[in-house]
All heavy atoms as atom14 arrays in JSON, in Angstrom:
{
  "sequence": "IVWVIEAPKRLRRYVKELWQQTEGGEGEFVLSANGKLLDIAKQMEF",
  "atom14_mask": [
    [1, 1, 1, 1, 1, 1, 1, 1, 0, 0, 0, 0, 0, 0],
    [1, 1, 1, 1, 1, 1, 1, 0, 0, 0, 0, 0, 0, 0],
    [1, 1, 1, 1, 1, 1, 1, 1, 1, 1, 1, 1, 1, 1],
    [1, 1, 1, 1, 1, 1, 1, 0, 0, 0, 0, 0, 0, 0],
    [1, 1, 1, 1, 1, 1, 1, 1, 0, 0, 0, 0, 0, 0],
    [1, 1, 1, 1, 1, 1, 1, 1, 1, 0, 0, 0, 0, 0],
    [1, 1, 1, 1, 1, 0, 0, 0, 0, 0, 0, 0, 0, 0],
    [1, 1, 1, 1, 1, 1, 1, 0, 0, 0, 0, 0, 0, 0],
    [1, 1, 1, 1, 1, 1, 1, 1, 1, 0, 0, 0, 0, 0],
    [1, 1, 1, 1, 1, 1, 1, 1, 1, 1, 1, 0, 0, 0],
    [1, 1, 1, 1, 1, 1, 1, 1, 0, 0, 0, 0, 0, 0],
    [1, 1, 1, 1, 1, 1, 1, 1, 1, 1, 1, 0, 0, 0],
    [1, 1, 1, 1, 1, 1, 1, 1, 1, 1, 1, 0, 0, 0],
    [1, 1, 1, 1, 1, 1, 1, 1, 1, 1, 1, 1, 0, 0],
    [1, 1, 1, 1, 1, 1, 1, 0, 0, 0, 0, 0, 0, 0],
    [1, 1, 1, 1, 1, 1, 1, 1, 1, 0, 0, 0, 0, 0],
    [1, 1, 1, 1, 1, 1, 1, 1, 1, 0, 0, 0, 0, 0],
    [1, 1, 1, 1, 1, 1, 1, 1, 0, 0, 0, 0, 0, 0],
    [1, 1, 1, 1, 1, 1, 1, 1, 1, 1, 1, 1, 1, 1],
    [1, 1, 1, 1, 1, 1, 1, 1, 1, 0, 0, 0, 0, 0],
    [1, 1, 1, 1, 1, 1, 1, 1, 1, 0, 0, 0, 0, 0],
    [1, 1, 1, 1, 1, 1, 1, 0, 0, 0, 0, 0, 0, 0],
    [1, 1, 1, 1, 1, 1, 1, 1, 1, 0, 0, 0, 0, 0],
    [1, 1, 1, 1, 0, 0, 0, 0, 0, 0, 0, 0, 0, 0],
    [1, 1, 1, 1, 0, 0, 0, 0, 0, 0, 0, 0, 0, 0],
    [1, 1, 1, 1, 1, 1, 1, 1, 1, 0, 0, 0, 0, 0],
    [1, 1, 1, 1, 0, 0, 0, 0, 0, 0, 0, 0, 0, 0],
    [1, 1, 1, 1, 1, 1, 1, 1, 1, 0, 0, 0, 0, 0],
    [1, 1, 1, 1, 1, 1, 1, 1, 1, 1, 1, 0, 0, 0],
    [1, 1, 1, 1, 1, 1, 1, 0, 0, 0, 0, 0, 0, 0],
    [1, 1, 1, 1, 1, 1, 1, 1, 0, 0, 0, 0, 0, 0],
    [1, 1, 1, 1, 1, 1, 0, 0, 0, 0, 0, 0, 0, 0],
    [1, 1, 1, 1, 1, 0, 0, 0, 0, 0, 0, 0, 0, 0],
    [1, 1, 1, 1, 1, 1, 1, 1, 0, 0, 0, 0, 0, 0],
    [1, 1, 1, 1, 0, 0, 0, 0, 0, 0, 0, 0, 0, 0],
    [1, 1, 1, 1, 1, 1, 1, 1, 1, 0, 0, 0, 0, 0],
    [1, 1, 1, 1, 1, 1, 1, 1, 0, 0, 0, 0, 0, 0],
    [1, 1, 1, 1, 1, 1, 1, 1, 0, 0, 0, 0, 0, 0],
    [1, 1, 1, 1, 1, 1, 1, 1, 0, 0, 0, 0, 0, 0],
    [1, 1, 1, 1, 1, 1, 1, 1, 0, 0, 0, 0, 0, 0],
    [1, 1, 1, 1, 1, 0, 0, 0, 0, 0, 0, 0, 0, 0],
    [1, 1, 1, 1, 1, 1, 1, 1, 1, 0, 0, 0, 0, 0],
    [1, 1, 1, 1, 1, 1, 1, 1, 1, 0, 0, 0, 0, 0],
    [1, 1, 1, 1, 1, 1, 1, 1, 0, 0, 0, 0, 0, 0],
    [1, 1, 1, 1, 1, 1, 1, 1, 1, 0, 0, 0, 0, 0],
    [1, 1, 1, 1, 1, 1, 1, 1, 1, 1, 1, 0, 0, 0]
  ],
  "atom14_positions": [
    [[0.48, 5.87, 8.94], [-0.46, 4.86, 8.37], [-1.23, 4.2, 9.43], [-0.61, 3.76, 10.45], [0.27, 3.78, 7.49], [0.73, 4.42, 6.18], [-0.59, 2.56, 7.3], [1.51, 3.38, 5.35], [0.0, 0.0, 0.0], [0.0, 0.0, 0.0], [0.0, 0.0, 0.0], [0.0, 0.0, 0.0], [0.0, 0.0, 0.0], [0.0, 0.0, 0.0]],
    [[-2.54, 4.23, 9.42], [-3.41, 3.45, 10.32], [-3.95, 2.3, 9.55], [-4.83, 2.45, 8.6], [-4.49, 4.37, 10.88], [-5.33, 3.57, 11.84], [-3.99, 5.58, 11.58], [0.0, 0.0, 0.0], [0.0, 0.0, 0.0], [0.0, 0.0, 0.0], [0.0, 0.0, 0.0], [0.0, 0.0, 0.0], [0.0, 0.0, 0.0], [0.0, 0.0, 0.0]],
    [[-3.48, 1.08, 9.93], [-4.0, -0.07, 9.21], [-4.91, -0.85, 10.15], [-4.5, -1.44, 11.13], [-2.77, -0.95, 8.81], [-3.09, -2.16, 7.95], [-4.2, -2.35, 7.25], [-2.27, -3.28, 7.7], [-4.14, -3.51, 6.55], [-2.98, -4.13, 6.88], [-0.97, -3.64, 8.19], [-2.45, -5.37, 6.42], [-0.5, -4.85, 7.78], [-1.19, -5.7, 6.91]],
    [[-6.19, -0.77, 9.75], [-7.18, -1.32, 10.55], [-7.62, -2.73, 9.98], [-7.96, -2.93, 8.78], [-8.51, -0.43, 10.57], [-9.6, -1.12, 11.41], [-8.18, 0.92, 11.13], [0.0, 0.0, 0.0], [0.0, 0.0, 0.0], [0.0, 0.0, 0.0], [0.0, 0.0, 0.0], [0.0, 0.0, 0.0], [0.0, 0.0, 0.0], [0.0, 0.0, 0.0]],
    [[-7.44, -3.77, 10.87], [-7.81, -5.11, 10.44], [-8.87, -5.6, 11.48], [-8.64, -5.9, 12.65], [-6.56, -6.11, 10.57], [-5.45, -5.44, 9.7], [-6.94, -7.5, 10.07], [-4.12, -6.14, 9.85], [0.0, 0.0, 0.0], [0.0, 0.0, 0.0], [0.0, 0.0, 0.0], [0.0, 0.0, 0.0], [0.0, 0.0, 0.0], [0.0, 0.0, 0.0]],
    [[-10.13, -5.62, 11.1], [-11.25, -5.82, 12.0], [-11.39, -7.26, 12.43], [-11.82, -7.49, 13.6], [-12.56, -5.4, 11.38], [-12.59, -3.81, 11.06], [-13.86, -3.39, 10.49], [-14.65, -4.21, 10.03], [-14.07, -2.17, 10.49], [0.0, 0.0, 0.0], [0.0, 0.0, 0.0], [0.0, 0.0, 0.0], [0.0, 0.0, 0.0], [0.0, 0.0, 0.0]],
    [[-11.18, -8.24, 11.62], [-11.33, -9.6, 12.0], [-10.21, -10.13, 12.84], [-8.99, -10.07, 12.45], [-11.43, -10.51, 10.74], [0.0, 0.0, 0.0], [0.0, 0.0, 0.0], [0.0, 0.0, 0.0], [0.0, 0.0, 0.0], [0.0, 0.0, 0.0], [0.0, 0.0, 0.0], [0.0, 0.0, 0.0], [0.0, 0.0, 0.0], [0.0, 0.0, 0.0]],
    [[-10.41, -10.49, 14.09], [-9.36, -10.97, 15.0], [-8.42, -12.06, 14.44], [-7.27, -11.97, 14.65], [-10.12, -11.52, 16.23], [-11.41, -10.72, 16.22], [-11.71, -10.6, 14.74], [0.0, 0.0, 0.0], [0.0, 0.0, 0.0], [0.0, 0.0, 0.0], [0.0, 0.0, 0.0], [0.0, 0.0, 0.0], [0.0, 0.0, 0.0], [0.0, 0.0, 0.0]],
    [[-9.02, -12.99, 13.77], [-8.2, -14.13, 13.23], [-7.17, -13.56, 12.17], [-6.01, -13.99, 12.24], [-9.1, -15.17, 12.59], [-8.4, -16.47, 12.23], [-9.35, -17.55, 11.76], [-8.6, -18.79, 11.47], [-9.59, -19.88, 10.99], [0.0, 0.0, 0.0], [0.0, 0.0, 0.0], [0.0, 0.0, 0.0], [0.0, 0.0, 0.0], [0.0, 0.0, 0.0]],
    [[-7.68, -12.74, 11.31], [-6.78, -12.17, 10.27], [-5.74, -11.24, 10.88], [-4.58, -11.28, 10.51], [-7.6, -11.37, 9.2], [-6.78, -10.79, 8.08], [-7.66, -9.92, 7.25], [-8.63, -10.7, 6.48], [-8.41, -11.33, 5.33], [-7.28, -11.22, 4.71], [-9.38, -12.03, 4.72], [0.0, 0.0, 0.0], [0.0, 0.0, 0.0], [0.0, 0.0, 0.0]],
    [[-6.24, -10.44, 11.85], [-5.23, -9.53, 12.57], [-4.13, -10.33, 13.27], [-2.97, -9.97, 13.17], [-6.12, -8.78, 13.67], [-5.2, -7.83, 14.6], [-4.48, -6.76, 13.82], [-6.12, -7.17, 15.71], [0.0, 0.0, 0.0], [0.0, 0.0, 0.0], [0.0, 0.0, 0.0], [0.0, 0.0, 0.0], [0.0, 0.0, 0.0], [0.0, 0.0, 0.0]],
    [[-4.52, -11.44, 13.94], [-3.54, -12.28, 14.55], [-2.56, -12.8, 13.62], [-1.33, -12.87, 13.84], [-4.21, -13.37, 15.34], [-3.34, -14.26, 16.2], [-4.15, -15.15, 17.09], [-4.94, -16.12, 16.39], [-6.27, -16.12, 16.36], [-6.98, -15.22, 17.02], [-7.04, -17.03, 15.7], [0.0, 0.0, 0.0], [0.0, 0.0, 0.0], [0.0, 0.0, 0.0]],
    [[-3.05, -13.24, 12.46], [-2.18, -13.89, 11.47], [-1.19, -12.81, 10.84], [-0.05, -13.07, 10.69], [-3.04, -14.54, 10.34], [-2.21, -15.14, 9.24], [-3.03, -16.06, 8.36], [-4.07, -15.39, 7.73], [-3.98, -14.79, 6.48], [-2.78, -14.8, 5.87], [-4.95, -14.16, 5.91], [0.0, 0.0, 0.0], [0.0, 0.0, 0.0], [0.0, 0.0, 0.0]],
    [[-1.75, -11.7, 10.57], [-0.84, -10.66, 9.96], [0.22, -10.23, 10.87], [1.39, -9.92, 10.54], [-1.73, -9.51, 9.38], [-2.43, -9.72, 8.12], [-2.36, -10.99, 7.48], [-3.17, -8.73, 7.47], [-2.99, -11.23, 6.27], [-3.82, -8.96, 6.25], [-3.7, -10.2, 5.66], [-4.39, -10.47, 4.47], [0.0, 0.0, 0.0], [0.0, 0.0, 0.0]],
    [[-0.22, -9.92, 12.11], [0.71, -9.45, 13.19], [1.79, -10.44, 13.4], [3.02, -10.11, 13.46], [-0.09, -9.17, 14.45], [0.92, -8.94, 15.61], [-0.92, -7.86, 14.36], [0.0, 0.0, 0.0], [0.0, 0.0, 0.0], [0.0, 0.0, 0.0], [0.0, 0.0, 0.0], [0.0, 0.0, 0.0], [0.0, 0.0, 0.0], [0.0, 0.0, 0.0]],
    [[1.44, -11.75, 13.48], [2.44, -12.75, 13.76], [3.4, -12.82, 12.61], [4.6, -12.95, 12.81], [1.72, -14.1, 13.98], [2.71, -15.26, 14.21], [1.99, -16.54, 14.46], [2.93, -17.71, 14.7], [2.18, -19.0, 14.88], [0.0, 0.0, 0.0], [0.0, 0.0, 0.0], [0.0, 0.0, 0.0], [0.0, 0.0, 0.0], [0.0, 0.0, 0.0]],
    [[2.9, -12.82, 11.38], [3.84, -12.99, 10.24], [4.76, -11.78, 10.05], [5.91, -11.98, 9.81], [3.0, -13.11, 8.96], [3.85, -13.4, 7.71], [2.89, -13.83, 6.55], [1.82, -14.44, 6.68], [3.34, -13.52, 5.44], [0.0, 0.0, 0.0], [0.0, 0.0, 0.0], [0.0, 0.0, 0.0], [0.0, 0.0, 0.0], [0.0, 0.0, 0.0]],
    [[4.2, -10.56, 10.27], [5.08, -9.4, 10.07], [6.13, -9.32, 11.2], [7.24, -8.98, 10.96], [4.17, -8.11, 10.1], [4.91, -6.76, 9.88], [5.74, -6.87, 8.56], [3.97, -5.62, 9.87], [0.0, 0.0, 0.0], [0.0, 0.0, 0.0], [0.0, 0.0, 0.0], [0.0, 0.0, 0.0], [0.0, 0.0, 0.0], [0.0, 0.0, 0.0]],
    [[5.7, -9.68, 12.4], [6.64, -9.73, 13.51], [7.78, -10.72, 13.22], [8.9, -10.42, 13.45], [5.93, -10.12, 14.84], [6.91, -10.37, 15.96], [7.58, -9.46, 16.69], [7.29, -11.68, 16.42], [8.43, -10.08, 17.54], [8.31, -11.44, 17.48], [6.97, -13.01, 16.09], [8.83, -12.46, 18.16], [7.61, -14.04, 16.83], [8.54, -13.69, 17.8]],
    [[7.41, -11.85, 12.7], [8.42, -12.9, 12.38], [9.43, -12.32, 11.36], [10.63, -12.61, 11.44], [7.78, -14.19, 11.87], [7.01, -15.0, 12.96], [6.3, -16.24, 12.45], [5.93, -16.25, 11.2], [6.14, -17.17, 13.27], [0.0, 0.0, 0.0], [0.0, 0.0, 0.0], [0.0, 0.0, 0.0], [0.0, 0.0, 0.0], [0.0, 0.0, 0.0]],
    [[8.94, -11.6, 10.37], [9.81, -11.11, 9.34], [10.72, -10.03, 9.87], [11.89, -9.87, 9.52], [8.97, -10.51, 8.17], [8.35, -11.65, 7.28], [7.67, -11.14, 6.03], [6.49, -11.2, 5.9], [8.49, -10.52, 5.17], [0.0, 0.0, 0.0], [0.0, 0.0, 0.0], [0.0, 0.0, 0.0], [0.0, 0.0, 0.0], [0.0, 0.0, 0.0]],
    [[10.25, -9.22, 10.86], [11.12, -8.2, 11.47], [12.24, -8.88, 12.33], [13.24, -8.21, 12.62], [10.29, -7.23, 12.34], [9.68, -7.95, 13.42], [9.26, -6.45, 11.57], [0.0, 0.0, 0.0], [0.0, 0.0, 0.0], [0.0, 0.0, 0.0], [0.0, 0.0, 0.0], [0.0, 0.0, 0.0], [0.0, 0.0, 0.0], [0.0, 0.0, 0.0]],
    [[11.94, -10.04, 12.68], [12.94, -10.87, 13.45], [13.85, -11.72, 12.53], [14.64, -12.46, 13.05], [12.24, -11.78, 14.47], [11.52, -11.04, 15.58], [12.44, -10.35, 16.51], [13.38, -10.99, 17.01], [12.24, -9.14, 16.71], [0.0, 0.0, 0.0], [0.0, 0.0, 0.0], [0.0, 0.0, 0.0], [0.0, 0.0, 0.0], [0.0, 0.0, 0.0]],
    [[13.71, -11.51, 11.3], [14.56, -12.23, 10.25], [13.93, -13.49, 9.76], [14.62, -14.21, 8.96], [0.0, 0.0, 0.0], [0.0, 0.0, 0.0], [0.0, 0.0, 0.0], [0.0, 0.0, 0.0], [0.0, 0.0, 0.0], [0.0, 0.0, 0.0], [0.0, 0.0, 0.0], [0.0, 0.0, 0.0], [0.0, 0.0, 0.0], [0.0, 0.0, 0.0]],
    [[12.73, -13.75, 10.07], [12.06, -14.94, 9.55], [11.43, -14.75, 8.24], [11.53, -13.67, 7.63], [0.0, 0.0, 0.0], [0.0, 0.0, 0.0], [0.0, 0.0, 0.0], [0.0, 0.0, 0.0], [0.0, 0.0, 0.0], [0.0, 0.0, 0.0], [0.0, 0.0, 0.0], [0.0, 0.0, 0.0], [0.0, 0.0, 0.0], [0.0, 0.0, 0.0]],
    [[10.83, -15.82, 7.66], [10.21, -15.68, 6.41], [8.72, -15.3, 6.45], [8.06, -15.44, 7.52], [10.33, -17.03, 5.64], [11.82, -17.49, 5.35], [11.86, -18.74, 4.55], [10.79, -19.33, 4.36], [12.96, -19.13, 4.17], [0.0, 0.0, 0.0], [0.0, 0.0, 0.0], [0.0, 0.0, 0.0], [0.0, 0.0, 0.0], [0.0, 0.0, 0.0]],
    [[8.19, -14.7, 5.4], [6.85, -14.37, 5.3], [6.45, -13.79, 3.97], [7.36, -13.7, 3.03], [0.0, 0.0, 0.0], [0.0, 0.0, 0.0], [0.0, 0.0, 0.0], [0.0, 0.0, 0.0], [0.0, 0.0, 0.0], [0.0, 0.0, 0.0], [0.0, 0.0, 0.0], [0.0, 0.0, 0.0], [0.0, 0.0, 0.0], [0.0, 0.0, 0.0]],
    [[5.23, -13.36, 3.79], [4.77, -12.91, 2.46], [4.77, -11.42, 2.41], [4.53, -10.9, 1.33], [3.31, -13.4, 2.28], [3.25, -14.98, 2.15], [1.82, -15.46, 1.87], [0.92, -14.58, 1.69], [1.62, -16.67, 1.77], [0.0, 0.0, 0.0], [0.0, 0.0, 0.0], [0.0, 0.0, 0.0], [0.0, 0.0, 0.0], [0.0, 0.0, 0.0]],
    [[5.11, -10.7, 3.46], [5.13, -9.18, 3.35], [6.39, -8.79, 2.59], [7.49, -9.39, 2.66], [5.14, -8.59, 4.71], [3.81, -8.57, 5.39], [3.6, -9.56, 6.38], [2.86, -7.7, 5.04], [2.36, -9.63, 7.02], [1.59, -7.71, 5.71], [1.31, -8.67, 6.66], [0.0, 0.0, 0.0], [0.0, 0.0, 0.0], [0.0, 0.0, 0.0]],
    [[6.26, -7.75, 1.7], [7.3, -7.29, 0.91], [7.53, -5.78, 1.09], [6.52, -5.03, 1.2], [7.06, -7.51, -0.56], [8.15, -6.83, -1.41], [6.99, -9.05, -0.88], [0.0, 0.0, 0.0], [0.0, 0.0, 0.0], [0.0, 0.0, 0.0], [0.0, 0.0, 0.0], [0.0, 0.0, 0.0], [0.0, 0.0, 0.0], [0.0, 0.0, 0.0]],
    [[8.72, -5.36, 1.32], [9.09, -3.9, 1.45], [9.93, -3.5, 0.32], [10.95, -4.15, 0.06], [9.78, -3.69, 2.83], [10.2, -2.24, 3.17], [8.92, -1.35, 3.32], [11.01, -2.18, 4.44], [0.0, 0.0, 0.0], [0.0, 0.0, 0.0], [0.0, 0.0, 0.0], [0.0, 0.0, 0.0], [0.0, 0.0, 0.0], [0.0, 0.0, 0.0]],
    [[9.6, -2.43, -0.37], [10.34, -2.02, -1.52], [10.4, -0.47, -1.55], [9.47, 0.17, -1.1], [9.81, -2.6, -2.82], [8.49, -2.07, -3.1], [0.0, 0.0, 0.0], [0.0, 0.0, 0.0], [0.0, 0.0, 0.0], [0.0, 0.0, 0.0], [0.0, 0.0, 0.0], [0.0, 0.0, 0.0], [0.0, 0.0, 0.0], [0.0, 0.0, 0.0]],
    [[11.38, 0.03, -2.26], [11.53, 1.5, -2.48], [12.24, 1.6, -3.87], [13.26, 0.99, -4.16], [12.39, 2.11, -1.4], [0.0, 0.0, 0.0], [0.0, 0.0, 0.0], [0.0, 0.0, 0.0], [0.0, 0.0, 0.0], [0.0, 0.0, 0.0], [0.0, 0.0, 0.0], [0.0, 0.0, 0.0], [0.0, 0.0, 0.0], [0.0, 0.0, 0.0]],
    [[11.6, 2.41, -4.72], [12.14, 2.7, -6.07], [12.36, 1.31, -6.92], [13.43, 1.22, -7.52], [13.4, 3.5, -5.97], [13.18, 4.8, -5.35], [12.12, 5.49, -5.55], [14.15, 5.19, -4.48], [0.0, 0.0, 0.0], [0.0, 0.0, 0.0], [0.0, 0.0, 0.0], [0.0, 0.0, 0.0], [0.0, 0.0, 0.0], [0.0, 0.0, 0.0]],
    [[11.51, 0.37, -6.66], [11.59, -0.9, -7.38], [12.63, -1.86, -6.81], [12.85, -2.93, -7.33], [0.0, 0.0, 0.0], [0.0, 0.0, 0.0], [0.0, 0.0, 0.0], [0.0, 0.0, 0.0], [0.0, 0.0, 0.0], [0.0, 0.0, 0.0], [0.0, 0.0, 0.0], [0.0, 0.0, 0.0], [0.0, 0.0, 0.0], [0.0, 0.0, 0.0]],
    [[13.25, -1.47, -5.62], [14.26, -2.32, -5.04], [13.73, -2.96, -3.74], [13.17, -2.24, -2.89], [15.45, -1.49, -4.74], [16.65, -2.32, -4.1], [17.82, -1.4, -3.8], [18.91, -2.14, -3.12], [20.14, -1.28, -2.78], [0.0, 0.0, 0.0], [0.0, 0.0, 0.0], [0.0, 0.0, 0.0], [0.0, 0.0, 0.0], [0.0, 0.0, 0.0]],
    [[13.86, -4.28, -3.6], [13.47, -4.94, -2.4], [14.38, -4.57, -1.28], [15.59, -4.63, -1.41], [13.43, -6.46, -2.64], [12.32, -6.96, -3.64], [12.49, -8.54, -3.74], [10.95, -6.68, -3.17], [0.0, 0.0, 0.0], [0.0, 0.0, 0.0], [0.0, 0.0, 0.0], [0.0, 0.0, 0.0], [0.0, 0.0, 0.0], [0.0, 0.0, 0.0]],
    [[13.75, -4.39, -0.12], [14.5, -4.05, 1.14], [14.33, -5.12, 2.19], [13.26, -5.84, 2.22], [14.03, -2.68, 1.71], [14.11, -1.46, 0.75], [13.48, -0.23, 1.41], [15.55, -1.22, 0.32], [0.0, 0.0, 0.0], [0.0, 0.0, 0.0], [0.0, 0.0, 0.0], [0.0, 0.0, 0.0], [0.0, 0.0, 0.0], [0.0, 0.0, 0.0]],
    [[15.27, -5.22, 3.0], [15.18, -6.24, 4.08], [14.37, -5.7, 5.27], [14.68, -4.7, 5.89], [16.67, -6.5, 4.66], [16.77, -7.68, 5.61], [15.79, -7.89, 6.27], [17.84, -8.22, 5.72], [0.0, 0.0, 0.0], [0.0, 0.0, 0.0], [0.0, 0.0, 0.0], [0.0, 0.0, 0.0], [0.0, 0.0, 0.0], [0.0, 0.0, 0.0]],
    [[13.27, -6.3, 5.48], [12.32, -5.85, 6.52], [12.96, -5.84, 7.88], [12.76, -4.96, 8.69], [11.02, -6.72, 6.51], [10.19, -6.5, 5.27], [10.19, -6.5, 7.79], [8.91, -7.3, 5.15], [0.0, 0.0, 0.0], [0.0, 0.0, 0.0], [0.0, 0.0, 0.0], [0.0, 0.0, 0.0], [0.0, 0.0, 0.0], [0.0, 0.0, 0.0]],
    [[13.74, -6.84, 8.22], [14.33, -7.0, 9.53], [15.33, -5.8, 9.74], [15.54, -5.38, 10.94], [15.1, -8.33, 9.63], [0.0, 0.0, 0.0], [0.0, 0.0, 0.0], [0.0, 0.0, 0.0], [0.0, 0.0, 0.0], [0.0, 0.0, 0.0], [0.0, 0.0, 0.0], [0.0, 0.0, 0.0], [0.0, 0.0, 0.0], [0.0, 0.0, 0.0]],
    [[16.0, -5.29, 8.74], [16.89, -4.19, 8.86], [16.18, -2.89, 8.94], [16.66, -1.85, 9.56], [17.97, -4.23, 7.76], [18.9, -5.32, 7.81], [19.92, -5.28, 6.68], [20.87, -6.49, 6.72], [21.87, -6.42, 5.58], [0.0, 0.0, 0.0], [0.0, 0.0, 0.0], [0.0, 0.0, 0.0], [0.0, 0.0, 0.0], [0.0, 0.0, 0.0]],
    [[15.07, -2.74, 8.23], [14.33, -1.46, 8.1], [13.32, -1.18, 9.1], [13.03, -0.11, 9.38], [13.75, -1.37, 6.63], [14.77, -1.49, 5.52], [15.52, -0.22, 5.32], [15.09, 0.84, 5.58], [16.84, -0.4, 4.96], [0.0, 0.0, 0.0], [0.0, 0.0, 0.0], [0.0, 0.0, 0.0], [0.0, 0.0, 0.0], [0.0, 0.0, 0.0]],
    [[12.75, -2.22, 9.65], [11.51, -2.07, 10.49], [11.65, -2.49, 11.91], [12.27, -3.55, 12.16], [10.38, -2.91, 9.75], [9.01, -2.76, 10.35], [7.75, -3.72, 9.48], [7.73, -2.83, 7.86], [0.0, 0.0, 0.0], [0.0, 0.0, 0.0], [0.0, 0.0, 0.0], [0.0, 0.0, 0.0], [0.0, 0.0, 0.0], [0.0, 0.0, 0.0]],
    [[11.16, -1.74, 12.81], [11.06, -2.05, 14.26], [9.67, -2.33, 14.68], [8.76, -1.57, 14.32], [11.66, -0.93, 15.13], [11.75, -1.27, 16.56], [12.78, -2.33, 16.97], [13.67, -2.55, 16.08], [12.74, -2.77, 18.02], [0.0, 0.0, 0.0], [0.0, 0.0, 0.0], [0.0, 0.0, 0.0], [0.0, 0.0, 0.0], [0.0, 0.0, 0.0]],
    [[9.45, -3.54, 15.26], [8.04, -3.92, 15.58], [7.78, -3.9, 17.09], [8.5, -4.58, 17.8], [7.9, -5.41, 15.09], [6.51, -5.89, 14.94], [5.75, -5.66, 13.72], [5.86, -6.47, 16.02], [4.47, -6.16, 13.63], [4.52, -6.9, 15.94], [3.84, -6.78, 14.68], [0.0, 0.0, 0.0], [0.0, 0.0, 0.0], [0.0, 0.0, 0.0]]
  ]
}
């Protein structure tokens, strides 16, 4: 997946939030498989 975010401000916000979630913090990103929510911190390396 190539996820292009052209606006620097939006890019900065999304990157920061996703990184925080991979470190176990809270955020609005959701990861799911077959209708089941998955733990981003356990599944994803940033």
